[in-house]
C-alpha atoms as a PDB file:
ATOM      1  CA  MET A   1      -5.730  24.690  -7.577  1.00  0.00           C
ATOM      2  CA  LYS A   2      -3.860  22.704  -4.925  1.00  0.00           C
ATOM      3  CA  ARG A   3      -0.491  21.265  -5.968  1.00  0.00           C
ATOM      4  CA  VAL A   4      -0.128  17.738  -4.642  1.00  0.00           C
ATOM      5  CA  LEU A   5       3.021  15.613  -4.472  1.00  0.00           C
ATOM      6  CA  VAL A   6       2.599  11.829  -4.628  1.00  0.00           C
ATOM      7  CA  THR A   7       5.835  10.001  -3.822  1.00  0.00           C
ATOM      8  CA  GLY A   8       5.819   6.499  -5.262  1.00  0.00           C
ATOM      9  CA  GLY A   9       3.269   7.882  -7.702  1.00  0.00           C
ATOM     10  CA  ALA A  10       4.156   5.431 -10.479  1.00  0.00           C
ATOM     11  CA  GLY A  11       3.526   2.477  -8.187  1.00  0.00           C
ATOM     12  CA  PHE A  12       0.428   0.325  -7.771  1.00  0.00           C
ATOM     13  CA  ILE A  13      -1.574   2.449  -5.303  1.00  0.00           C
ATOM     14  CA  GLY A  14       0.224   5.688  -6.197  1.00  0.00           C
ATOM     15  CA  SER A  15      -0.785   5.613  -9.870  1.00  0.00           C
ATOM     16  CA  HIS A  16      -4.452   5.103  -8.995  1.00  0.00           C
ATOM     17  CA  LEU A  17      -4.193   7.975  -6.500  1.00  0.00           C
ATOM     18  CA  CYS A  18      -2.675  10.269  -9.153  1.00  0.00           C
ATOM     19  CA  GLU A  19      -5.635   9.496 -11.436  1.00  0.00           C
ATOM     20  CA  VAL A  20      -8.195  10.307  -8.764  1.00  0.00           C
ATOM     21  CA  LEU A  21      -6.472  13.545  -7.800  1.00  0.00           C
ATOM     22  CA  LEU A  22      -6.362  14.708 -11.419  1.00  0.00           C
ATOM     23  CA  ASP A  23     -10.038  13.799 -11.887  1.00  0.00           C
ATOM     24  CA  ARG A  24     -10.872  15.939  -8.826  1.00  0.00           C
ATOM     25  CA  GLY A  25      -9.076  19.014 -10.099  1.00  0.00           C
ATOM     26  CA  PHE A  26      -5.695  18.875  -8.404  1.00  0.00           C
ATOM     27  CA  ASP A  27      -2.313  19.693  -9.930  1.00  0.00           C
ATOM     28  CA  VAL A  28      -0.311  16.481  -9.443  1.00  0.00           C
ATOM     29  CA  LEU A  29       3.437  16.048  -9.125  1.00  0.00           C
ATOM     30  CA  CYS A  30       4.413  12.356  -9.304  1.00  0.00           C
ATOM     31  CA  LEU A  31       7.799  11.415  -7.866  1.00  0.00           C
ATOM     32  CA  ASP A  32       9.271   7.933  -8.325  1.00  0.00           C
ATOM     33  CA  ASN A  33      12.657   6.244  -8.702  1.00  0.00           C
ATOM     34  CA  PHE A  34      11.080   3.342 -10.673  1.00  0.00           C
ATOM     35  CA  PHE A  35      12.533   0.601  -8.462  1.00  0.00           C
ATOM     36  CA  THR A  36       9.083  -0.989  -8.159  1.00  0.00           C
ATOM     37  CA  GLY A  37       7.008   1.659  -9.934  1.00  0.00           C
ATOM     38  CA  SER A  38       6.490   1.562 -13.685  1.00  0.00           C
ATOM     39  CA  LYS A  39       6.079   4.262 -16.296  1.00  0.00           C
ATOM     40  CA  ASP A  40       3.397   2.048 -17.843  1.00  0.00           C
ATOM     41  CA  ASN A  41       1.220   2.760 -14.794  1.00  0.00           C
ATOM     42  CA  ILE A  42       1.168   6.499 -15.468  1.00  0.00           C
ATOM     43  CA  ARG A  43       1.865   6.691 -19.224  1.00  0.00           C
ATOM     44  CA  HIS A  44      -1.755   7.649 -19.926  1.00  0.00           C
ATOM     45  CA  LEU A  45      -1.371  10.639 -17.587  1.00  0.00           C
ATOM     46  CA  LEU A  46       1.753  12.139 -19.167  1.00  0.00           C
ATOM     47  CA  SER A  47      -0.175  14.230 -21.677  1.00  0.00           C
ATOM     48  CA  ASN A  48      -2.316  15.809 -18.952  1.00  0.00           C
ATOM     49  CA  PRO A  49      -1.151  19.429 -18.442  1.00  0.00           C
ATOM     50  CA  CYS A  50      -1.916  19.138 -14.704  1.00  0.00           C
ATOM     51  CA  PHE A  51       0.454  16.155 -14.294  1.00  0.00           C
ATOM     52  CA  GLU A  52       4.237  16.256 -13.878  1.00  0.00           C
ATOM     53  CA  LEU A  53       6.645  13.361 -13.459  1.00  0.00           C
ATOM     54  CA  VAL A  54       9.937  13.629 -11.576  1.00  0.00           C
ATOM     55  CA  ARG A  55      12.408  10.742 -11.461  1.00  0.00           C
ATOM     56  CA  HIS A  56      14.021  10.963  -8.032  1.00  0.00           C
ATOM     57  CA  ASP A  57      15.100   8.764  -5.129  1.00  0.00           C
ATOM     58  CA  LEU A  58      13.438   9.951  -1.936  1.00  0.00           C
ATOM     59  CA  VAL A  59      16.510   9.084   0.139  1.00  0.00           C
ATOM     60  CA  GLN A  60      18.108  12.168  -1.450  1.00  0.00           C
ATOM     61  CA  PRO A  61      16.711  15.590  -0.456  1.00  0.00           C
ATOM     62  CA  ILE A  62      14.528  17.468  -2.923  1.00  0.00           C
ATOM     63  CA  PHE A  63      13.031  20.956  -2.724  1.00  0.00           C
ATOM     64  CA  LEU A  64       9.538  21.511  -4.112  1.00  0.00           C
ATOM     65  CA  GLU A  65       6.644  23.889  -3.491  1.00  0.00           C
ATOM     66  CA  VAL A  66       3.478  21.895  -2.807  1.00  0.00           C
ATOM     67  CA  ASP A  67       0.310  22.103  -0.705  1.00  0.00           C
ATOM     68  CA  GLN A  68      -0.084  18.407   0.113  1.00  0.00           C
ATOM     69  CA  ILE A  69       2.229  15.367   0.202  1.00  0.00           C
ATOM     70  CA  TYR A  70       1.114  11.760  -0.030  1.00  0.00           C
ATOM     71  CA  ASN A  71       4.224   9.788   1.006  1.00  0.00           C
ATOM     72  CA  LEU A  72       3.731   6.356  -0.581  1.00  0.00           C
ATOM     73  CA  ALA A  73       7.352   5.710  -1.659  1.00  0.00           C
ATOM     74  CA  CYS A  74       8.641   2.355  -0.384  1.00  0.00           C
ATOM     75  CA  PRO A  75       8.733  -1.202  -1.758  1.00  0.00           C
ATOM     76  CA  ALA A  76       5.700  -2.941  -0.235  1.00  0.00           C
ATOM     77  CA  SER A  77       6.059  -6.597  -1.229  1.00  0.00           C
ATOM     78  CA  PRO A  78       8.450  -8.986   0.559  1.00  0.00           C
ATOM     79  CA  ILE A  79      10.350  -9.918  -2.624  1.00  0.00           C
ATOM     80  CA  HIS A  80      11.111  -6.268  -3.342  1.00  0.00           C
ATOM     81  CA  TYR A  81      11.727  -4.940   0.144  1.00  0.00           C
ATOM     82  CA  GLN A  82      13.959  -7.891   1.079  1.00  0.00           C
ATOM     83  CA  TYR A  83      15.995  -7.504  -2.136  1.00  0.00           C
ATOM     84  CA  ASN A  84      17.831  -4.554  -0.590  1.00  0.00           C
ATOM     85  CA  PRO A  85      16.733  -4.337   3.064  1.00  0.00           C
ATOM     86  CA  VAL A  86      19.104  -1.500   3.946  1.00  0.00           C
ATOM     87  CA  LYS A  87      17.716   0.627   1.111  1.00  0.00           C
ATOM     88  CA  THR A  88      14.178  -0.263   2.195  1.00  0.00           C
ATOM     89  CA  ILE A  89      14.617   1.052   5.715  1.00  0.00           C
ATOM     90  CA  LYS A  90      16.523   4.097   4.415  1.00  0.00           C
ATOM     91  CA  THR A  91      13.559   4.912   2.169  1.00  0.00           C
ATOM     92  CA  SER A  92      11.134   4.736   5.099  1.00  0.00           C
ATOM     93  CA  VAL A  93      13.342   6.675   7.511  1.00  0.00           C
ATOM     94  CA  MET A  94      15.407   9.132   5.453  1.00  0.00           C
ATOM     95  CA  GLY A  95      12.692   9.546   2.848  1.00  0.00           C
ATOM     96  CA  THR A  96      10.148  10.404   5.525  1.00  0.00           C
ATOM     97  CA  ILE A  97      12.563  12.846   7.152  1.00  0.00           C
ATOM     98  CA  ASN A  98      13.078  14.555   3.779  1.00  0.00           C
ATOM     99  CA  MET A  99       9.339  14.804   3.157  1.00  0.00           C
ATOM    100  CA  LEU A 100       8.623  16.051   6.681  1.00  0.00           C
ATOM    101  CA  GLY A 101      11.343  18.674   6.267  1.00  0.00           C
ATOM    102  CA  MET A 102       9.682  19.824   3.070  1.00  0.00           C
ATOM    103  CA  ALA A 103       6.241  19.872   4.693  1.00  0.00           C
ATOM    104  CA  LYS A 104       7.639  21.961   7.545  1.00  0.00           C
ATOM    105  CA  ARG A 105       9.313  24.457   5.183  1.00  0.00           C
ATOM    106  CA  VAL A 106       6.327  25.046   2.909  1.00  0.00           C
ATOM    107  CA  SER A 107       3.522  24.403   5.466  1.00  0.00           C
ATOM    108  CA  ALA A 108       2.170  21.444   3.493  1.00  0.00           C
ATOM    109  CA  ARG A 109      -0.111  18.759   4.880  1.00  0.00           C
ATOM    110  CA  ILE A 110       1.554  15.328   4.698  1.00  0.00           C
ATOM    111  CA  LEU A 111       0.009  11.869   4.719  1.00  0.00           C
ATOM    112  CA  GLN A 112       2.224   8.895   5.537  1.00  0.00           C
ATOM    113  CA  ALA A 113       1.261   5.570   3.980  1.00  0.00           C
ATOM    114  CA  SER A 114       1.954   3.284   6.907  1.00  0.00           C
ATOM    115  CA  THR A 115       1.007  -0.367   6.985  1.00  0.00           C
ATOM    116  CA  SER A 116      -0.735  -3.151   8.863  1.00  0.00           C
ATOM    117  CA  GLU A 117       2.762  -4.632   9.209  1.00  0.00           C
ATOM    118  CA  VAL A 118       3.308  -2.310  12.185  1.00  0.00           C
ATOM    119  CA  TYR A 119       1.122  -4.806  14.072  1.00  0.00           C
ATOM    120  CA  GLY A 120       3.485  -7.687  13.202  1.00  0.00           C
ATOM    121  CA  ASP A 121       1.972 -11.100  14.022  1.00  0.00           C
ATOM    122  CA  PRO A 122      -0.904  -9.636  16.037  1.00  0.00           C
ATOM    123  CA  GLN A 123      -2.179 -11.147  19.257  1.00  0.00           C
ATOM    124  CA  ARG A 124      -5.301  -8.964  19.198  1.00  0.00           C
ATOM    125  CA  GLN A 125      -8.169  -9.588  16.783  1.00  0.00           C
ATOM    126  CA  PRO A 126      -9.190  -7.428  15.039  1.00  0.00           C
ATOM    127  CA  GLN A 127      -6.341  -4.912  15.142  1.00  0.00           C
ATOM    128  CA  THR A 128      -7.286  -1.515  16.570  1.00  0.00           C
ATOM    129  CA  GLU A 129      -5.126   1.592  16.241  1.00  0.00           C
ATOM    130  CA  ASP A 130      -4.232   1.580  19.955  1.00  0.00           C
ATOM    131  CA  TYR A 131      -2.620  -1.881  19.671  1.00  0.00           C
ATOM    132  CA  TRP A 132       1.192  -1.626  19.821  1.00  0.00           C
ATOM    133  CA  GLY A 133       1.815  -4.797  17.855  1.00  0.00           C
ATOM    134  CA  ASN A 134       3.957  -7.913  18.060  1.00  0.00           C
ATOM    135  CA  VAL A 135       6.892  -7.309  15.716  1.00  0.00           C
ATOM    136  CA  ASN A 136      10.192  -9.158  15.296  1.00  0.00           C
ATOM    137  CA  THR A 137      12.668  -6.279  15.238  1.00  0.00           C
ATOM    138  CA  ILE A 138      15.523  -8.368  13.786  1.00  0.00           C
ATOM    139  CA  GLY A 139      13.724 -10.710  11.360  1.00  0.00           C
ATOM    140  CA  PRO A 140      13.857 -10.676   7.544  1.00  0.00           C
ATOM    141  CA  ARG A 141      10.698  -8.541   7.339  1.00  0.00           C
ATOM    142  CA  SER A 142      11.864  -5.983   9.904  1.00  0.00           C
ATOM    143  CA  CYS A 143      13.437  -3.678   7.296  1.00  0.00           C
ATOM    144  CA  TYR A 144       9.894  -2.889   6.173  1.00  0.00           C
ATOM    145  CA  ASP A 145       7.969  -3.296   9.445  1.00  0.00           C
ATOM    146  CA  GLU A 146      10.377  -1.297  11.592  1.00  0.00           C
ATOM    147  CA  GLY A 147      10.980   1.286   8.855  1.00  0.00           C
ATOM    148  CA  LYS A 148       7.269   2.043   8.792  1.00  0.00           C
ATOM    149  CA  ARG A 149       7.078   2.151  12.594  1.00  0.00           C
ATOM    150  CA  VAL A 150       9.934   4.680  12.680  1.00  0.00           C
ATOM    151  CA  ALA A 151       8.195   6.687   9.953  1.00  0.00           C
ATOM    152  CA  GLU A 152       5.122   6.913  12.211  1.00  0.00           C
ATOM    153  CA  THR A 153       7.367   8.046  15.095  1.00  0.00           C
ATOM    154  CA  LEU A 154       8.915  10.759  12.918  1.00  0.00           C
ATOM    155  CA  MET A 155       5.485  11.942  11.791  1.00  0.00           C
ATOM    156  CA  MET A 156       4.255  12.312  15.360  1.00  0.00           C
ATOM    157  CA  ASP A 157       7.459  13.998  16.551  1.00  0.00           C
ATOM    158  CA  TYR A 158       7.419  16.547  13.717  1.00  0.00           C
ATOM    159  CA  HIS A 159       3.767  17.188  14.547  1.00  0.00           C
ATOM    160  CA  ARG A 160       4.351  17.626  18.278  1.00  0.00           C
ATOM    161  CA  GLN A 161       7.632  19.519  18.011  1.00  0.00           C
ATOM    162  CA  ASN A 162       7.143  21.578  14.841  1.00  0.00           C
ATOM    163  CA  GLY A 163       3.378  21.695  14.343  1.00  0.00           C
ATOM    164  CA  VAL A 164       3.506  19.859  10.984  1.00  0.00           C
ATOM    165  CA  ASP A 165       0.001  18.948   9.742  1.00  0.00           C
ATOM    166  CA  ILE A 166       0.206  15.147   9.468  1.00  0.00           C
ATOM    167  CA  ARG A 167      -1.931  12.138   8.613  1.00  0.00           C
ATOM    168  CA  ILE A 168      -0.979   8.495   9.316  1.00  0.00           C
ATOM    169  CA  ALA A 169      -2.910   5.838   7.361  1.00  0.00           C
ATOM    170  CA  ARG A 170      -2.288   2.171   8.171  1.00  0.00           C
ATOM    171  CA  ILE A 171      -2.916   0.347   4.915  1.00  0.00           C
ATOM    172  CA  PHE A 172      -4.004  -3.292   5.017  1.00  0.00           C
ATOM    173  CA  ASN A 173      -3.638  -5.776   2.141  1.00  0.00           C
ATOM    174  CA  THR A 174      -4.626  -4.003  -1.074  1.00  0.00           C
ATOM    175  CA  TYR A 175      -5.049  -5.512  -4.534  1.00  0.00           C
ATOM    176  CA  GLY A 176      -6.212  -4.611  -8.026  1.00  0.00           C
ATOM    177  CA  PRO A 177      -4.995  -3.719 -11.515  1.00  0.00           C
ATOM    178  CA  ARG A 178      -1.385  -2.503 -11.839  1.00  0.00           C
ATOM    179  CA  MET A 179      -0.023  -4.894  -9.239  1.00  0.00           C
ATOM    180  CA  ALA A 180       3.326  -6.116 -10.556  1.00  0.00           C
ATOM    181  CA  LEU A 181       3.523  -9.605 -12.028  1.00  0.00           C
ATOM    182  CA  ASN A 182       6.535 -10.499  -9.889  1.00  0.00           C
ATOM    183  CA  ASP A 183       5.760  -8.705  -6.649  1.00  0.00           C
ATOM    184  CA  GLY A 184       5.320 -11.886  -4.628  1.00  0.00           C
ATOM    185  CA  ARG A 185       2.044 -10.853  -2.983  1.00  0.00           C
ATOM    186  CA  VAL A 186      -0.451 -13.610  -2.461  1.00  0.00           C
ATOM    187  CA  ILE A 187      -3.182 -12.391  -4.837  1.00  0.00           C
ATOM    188  CA  SER A 188      -0.842 -11.653  -7.722  1.00  0.00           C
ATOM    189  CA  ASN A 189       1.039 -14.934  -7.120  1.00  0.00           C
ATOM    190  CA  PHE A 190      -2.154 -16.996  -7.196  1.00  0.00           C
ATOM    191  CA  ILE A 191      -3.640 -15.263 -10.244  1.00  0.00           C
ATOM    192  CA  VAL A 192      -0.447 -15.546 -12.296  1.00  0.00           C
ATOM    193  CA  GLN A 193       0.034 -19.208 -11.334  1.00  0.00           C
ATOM    194  CA  ALA A 194      -3.611 -20.018 -12.103  1.00  0.00           C
ATOM    195  CA  LEU A 195      -3.575 -18.259 -15.483  1.00  0.00           C
ATOM    196  CA  LYS A 196      -0.363 -20.014 -16.481  1.00  0.00           C
ATOM    197  CA  GLY A 197      -1.614 -23.399 -15.258  1.00  0.00           C
ATOM    198  CA  GLU A 198       1.200 -23.634 -12.740  1.00  0.00           C
ATOM    199  CA  PRO A 199       0.839 -25.088  -9.228  1.00  0.00           C
ATOM    200  CA  MET A 200      -0.608 -22.533  -6.788  1.00  0.00           C
ATOM    201  CA  THR A 201       1.783 -22.396  -3.856  1.00  0.00           C
ATOM    202  CA  ILE A 202       0.486 -21.865  -0.335  1.00  0.00           C
ATOM    203  CA  TYR A 203       3.165 -21.213   2.278  1.00  0.00           C
ATOM    204  CA  GLY A 204       2.100 -22.903   5.504  1.00  0.00           C
ATOM    205  CA  SER A 205      -1.236 -24.605   6.124  1.00  0.00           C
ATOM    206  CA  GLY A 206      -3.385 -22.049   4.323  1.00  0.00           C
ATOM    207  CA  SER A 207      -5.370 -21.393   7.506  1.00  0.00           C
ATOM    208  CA  GLN A 208      -3.684 -18.008   7.991  1.00  0.00           C
ATOM    209  CA  THR A 209      -6.057 -15.144   7.210  1.00  0.00           C
ATOM    210  CA  ARG A 210      -5.904 -11.825   5.396  1.00  0.00           C
ATOM    211  CA  SER A 211      -8.384  -9.033   4.691  1.00  0.00           C
ATOM    212  CA  PHE A 212      -8.239  -7.769   1.106  1.00  0.00           C
ATOM    213  CA  CYS A 213      -9.183  -4.229   0.084  1.00  0.00           C
ATOM    214  CA  TYR A 214      -9.678  -3.266  -3.574  1.00  0.00           C
ATOM    215  CA  VAL A 215      -7.440  -0.410  -4.690  1.00  0.00           C
ATOM    216  CA  ASN A 216     -10.295   1.981  -5.599  1.00  0.00           C
ATOM    217  CA  ASP A 217     -11.643   1.738  -2.059  1.00  0.00           C
ATOM    218  CA  MET A 218      -8.169   2.272  -0.604  1.00  0.00           C
ATOM    219  CA  VAL A 219      -7.507   5.399  -2.670  1.00  0.00           C
ATOM    220  CA  GLU A 220     -10.857   6.863  -1.611  1.00  0.00           C
ATOM    221  CA  GLY A 221      -9.900   6.276   2.028  1.00  0.00           C
ATOM    222  CA  LEU A 222      -6.531   7.978   1.580  1.00  0.00           C
ATOM    223  CA  PHE A 223      -8.154  10.957  -0.130  1.00  0.00           C
ATOM    224  CA  ARG A 224     -10.789  11.364   2.573  1.00  0.00           C
ATOM    225  CA  MET A 225      -8.141  11.215   5.278  1.00  0.00           C
ATOM    226  CA  MET A 226      -6.034  13.882   3.595  1.00  0.00           C
ATOM    227  CA  GLU A 227      -9.041  16.178   3.192  1.00  0.00           C
ATOM    228  CA  GLN A 228     -10.359  15.650   6.722  1.00  0.00           C
ATOM    229  CA  GLU A 229      -9.495  18.426   9.172  1.00  0.00           C
ATOM    230  CA  GLN A 230      -7.935  17.644  12.571  1.00  0.00           C
ATOM    231  CA  CYS A 231      -7.253  13.983  11.805  1.00  0.00           C
ATOM    232  CA  THR A 232      -3.653  13.010  12.535  1.00  0.00           C
ATOM    233  CA  GLY A 233      -4.408   9.321  12.897  1.00  0.00           C
ATOM    234  CA  PRO A 234      -3.279   6.652  12.828  1.00  0.00           C
ATOM    235  CA  ILE A 235      -6.360   5.254  11.127  1.00  0.00           C
ATOM    236  CA  ASN A 236      -6.689   1.741   9.732  1.00  0.00           C
ATOM    237  CA  LEU A 237      -7.732   1.522   6.076  1.00  0.00           C
ATOM    238  CA  GLY A 238      -8.646  -1.964   4.954  1.00  0.00           C
ATOM    239  CA  ASN A 239     -11.456  -4.446   4.481  1.00  0.00           C
ATOM    240  CA  PRO A 240     -12.615  -6.099   7.721  1.00  0.00           C
ATOM    241  CA  GLU A 241     -13.898  -9.173   5.860  1.00  0.00           C
ATOM    242  CA  GLU A 242     -11.468 -11.994   6.637  1.00  0.00           C
ATOM    243  CA  PHE A 243     -10.504 -14.903   4.330  1.00  0.00           C
ATOM    244  CA  THR A 244      -8.117 -17.799   4.765  1.00  0.00           C
ATOM    245  CA  ILE A 245      -5.366 -18.107   2.169  1.00  0.00           C
ATOM    246  CA  LEU A 246      -6.822 -21.468   1.126  1.00  0.00           C
ATOM    247  CA  GLU A 247     -10.248 -19.848   0.555  1.00  0.00           C
ATOM    248  CA  LEU A 248      -8.580 -17.190  -1.588  1.00  0.00           C
ATOM    249  CA  ALA A 249      -6.783 -19.819  -3.659  1.00  0.00           C
ATOM    250  CA  ARG A 250     -10.047 -21.685  -4.294  1.00  0.00           C
ATOM    251  CA  HIS A 251     -11.863 -18.473  -5.306  1.00  0.00           C
ATOM    252  CA  ILE A 252      -9.141 -17.693  -7.852  1.00  0.00           C
ATOM    253  CA  LEU A 253      -9.114 -21.266  -9.191  1.00  0.00           C
ATOM    254  CA  GLU A 254     -12.862 -21.092  -9.761  1.00  0.00           C
ATOM    255  CA  MET A 255     -12.831 -17.605 -11.297  1.00  0.00           C
ATOM    256  CA  THR A 256      -9.968 -18.298 -13.704  1.00  0.00           C
ATOM    257  CA  GLY A 257     -11.260 -21.755 -14.679  1.00  0.00           C
ATOM    258  CA  SER A 258      -7.732 -23.004 -14.086  1.00  0.00           C
ATOM    259  CA  SER A 259      -6.674 -26.631 -13.767  1.00  0.00           C
ATOM    260  CA  SER A 260      -3.780 -25.699 -11.484  1.00  0.00           C
ATOM    261  CA  GLU A 261      -3.276 -27.791  -8.393  1.00  0.00           C
ATOM    262  CA  ILE A 262      -2.798 -26.301  -4.947  1.00  0.00           C
ATOM    263  CA  ILE A 263       0.492 -27.270  -3.314  1.00  0.00           C
ATOM    264  CA  PHE A 264       1.859 -26.477   0.133  1.00  0.00           C
ATOM    265  CA  ALA A 265       5.324 -25.239   1.059  1.00  0.00           C
ATOM    266  CA  PRO A 266       6.969 -24.478   4.416  1.00  0.00           C
ATOM    267  CA  PRO A 267       5.676 -21.291   6.083  1.00  0.00           C
ATOM    268  CA  LEU A 268       7.501 -18.012   5.524  1.00  0.00           C
ATOM    269  CA  PRO A 269       9.413 -16.453   8.459  1.00  0.00           C
ATOM    270  CA  ASP A 270       7.325 -14.124  10.634  1.00  0.00           C
ATOM    271  CA  ASP A 271       4.256 -14.575   8.420  1.00  0.00           C
ATOM    272  CA  PRO A 272       1.265 -13.323  10.490  1.00  0.00           C
ATOM    273  CA  ALA A 273      -1.311 -15.960  11.426  1.00  0.00           C
ATOM    274  CA  ARG A 274      -4.225 -13.500  11.225  1.00  0.00           C
ATOM    275  CA  ARG A 275      -4.642 -10.018   9.842  1.00  0.00           C
ATOM    276  CA  ARG A 276      -7.925  -8.116  10.100  1.00  0.00           C
ATOM    277  CA  PRO A 277      -8.472  -4.398  10.684  1.00  0.00           C
ATOM    278  CA  SER A 278     -10.918  -2.690  12.938  1.00  0.00           C
ATOM    279  CA  ILE A 279     -12.202   0.213  10.808  1.00  0.00           C
ATOM    280  CA  LYS A 280     -14.399   1.789  13.482  1.00  0.00           C
ATOM    281  CA  LYS A 281     -12.359   5.015  13.394  1.00  0.00           C
ATOM    282  CA  ALA A 282     -12.440   5.187   9.581  1.00  0.00           C
ATOM    283  CA  ARG A 283     -16.224   4.779   9.610  1.00  0.00           C
ATOM    284  CA  GLU A 284     -16.740   7.410  12.297  1.00  0.00           C
ATOM    285  CA  ILE A 285     -14.142  10.023  11.301  1.00  0.00           C
ATOM    286  CA  LEU A 286     -13.884   9.597   7.522  1.00  0.00           C
ATOM    287  CA  GLU A 287     -17.329   8.117   6.851  1.00  0.00           C
ATOM    288  CA  TRP A 288     -15.429   5.498   4.836  1.00  0.00           C
ATOM    289  CA  GLU A 289     -15.697   1.766   4.415  1.00  0.00           C
ATOM    290  CA  PRO A 290     -14.949  -0.596   1.525  1.00  0.00           C
ATOM    291  CA  THR A 291     -17.704  -1.036  -1.044  1.00  0.00           C
ATOM    292  CA  ILE A 292     -16.204  -3.562  -3.467  1.00  0.00           C
ATOM    293  CA  PRO A 293     -16.520  -7.250  -2.445  1.00  0.00           C
ATOM    294  CA  LEU A 294     -13.616  -9.620  -2.965  1.00  0.00           C
ATOM    295  CA  LYS A 295     -15.065 -11.514  -5.933  1.00  0.00           C
ATOM    296  CA  GLU A 296     -15.863  -8.310  -7.823  1.00  0.00           C
ATOM    297  CA  GLY A 297     -12.369  -6.937  -7.204  1.00  0.00           C
ATOM    298  CA  LEU A 298     -10.800 -10.245  -8.214  1.00  0.00           C
ATOM    299  CA  LYS A 299     -12.737 -10.177 -11.495  1.00  0.00           C
ATOM    300  CA  HIS A 300     -11.090  -6.872 -12.471  1.00  0.00           C
ATOM    301  CA  THR A 301      -7.687  -7.981 -11.214  1.00  0.00           C
ATOM    302  CA  ILE A 302      -7.779 -11.296 -13.088  1.00  0.00           C
ATOM    303  CA  ALA A 303      -8.776  -9.456 -16.300  1.00  0.00           C
ATOM    304  CA  TYR A 304      -5.785  -7.125 -15.851  1.00  0.00           C
ATOM    305  CA  PHE A 305      -3.316  -9.978 -15.387  1.00  0.00           C
ATOM    306  CA  ARG A 306      -4.841 -11.938 -18.253  1.00  0.00           C
ATOM    307  CA  GLY A 307      -4.138  -8.938 -20.492  1.00  0.00           C
ATOM    308  CA  LEU A 308      -0.548  -8.679 -19.251  1.00  0.00           C
ATOM    309  CA  ILE A 309       0.187 -12.362 -19.746  1.00  0.00           C
ATOM    310  CA  PHE A 310      -1.704 -13.112 -22.952  1.00  0.00           C
ATOM    311  CA  GLY A 311      -2.073  -9.637 -24.486  1.00  0.00           C
ATOM    312  CA  GLY A 312      -5.226  -7.888 -25.552  1.00  0.00           C
END
C-alpha cells in the first residue's frame, strides 16, 4: 500500500483528494496548519485506519517516510493570501523546498499544485503551457503568483539537478462543496450573496471571463497526473468552457431563485481580463477532460452553501 502525503489536505481541494485516495486503497497522511483548511472538511475521515492527520506548518521542516507527495498547501483565495502576503510567499517557496528535500531523501514522487495565476493577465488565448505569462511582480497578488512561479522553478531545478520525480499541475478556477464561506472567490461570493438576498457584487464590468472546473474533475486530473509515468509537466488542469462573470452571476441568480440585485464596483487590481486553459496536453497525456458542466456543479455547490447557511 502506497503511503501518500497531502499537504493542505484539510483544505477545499485537498480534502476531496484525501477521500479519493482512501477510496482507491492508499494510506493517506494529511498535513495542514488550518489557516484556511478546516477539520470539518476531513472529520468524516478521522475514523478511517488508513488516514492520519498531522497539524504542521509547511514553512517548518518535517521528516516523514512517504511514497508520494501532493503539495497543495497554500492559501488560494485573494482574501486569504493577501491577509499575510509574506507568509503566503514563504509557504510557496520554503514549503516547496521542504517538500522537495523530503522527496529527494526518500525517493518520493512529488506533485506541485501550481496555478493559472502563473499566466497573470494573459495576452494569449487560450493559455498553453509554453506561454510565459504576463505577471505584475510587485502587485498585491504577486505574493501568490510569484510564489507559485518560484515553486515551479524549484521543482524543475530539483528534477534537473537531483533527479527528483516531479509533477507540475497548473490548476485553473475550481469550485464545489467545501469552499469556505468567506474565501472571496467569485462563485462562493455570488452564491452566499444570492442565498442571503444581498446585492451580488461584480468588480469591473462583468465582461471578464473565467473557466470553472468542478472539484471532482480536478481531483481526477491530479490523480491521473501523479500516476502517469514520465510526465513532469507543467500541464493545465481546468475547464476550457469560458463564461463571463456577468453570465455566472445570472446563472446563480436563476438557480437560487434569489431576488438579489447585481451591483458593480471598481475593478480589482491586476484582475485578469480573460482566463481559459488549453487542455490539449491533459487530453493527450492523461486522457483527462472535465465531465461535469457548470450548471450541474453549481447545483451541488449551492446545496452545500444552503446547508451551511440555513442548516440541514
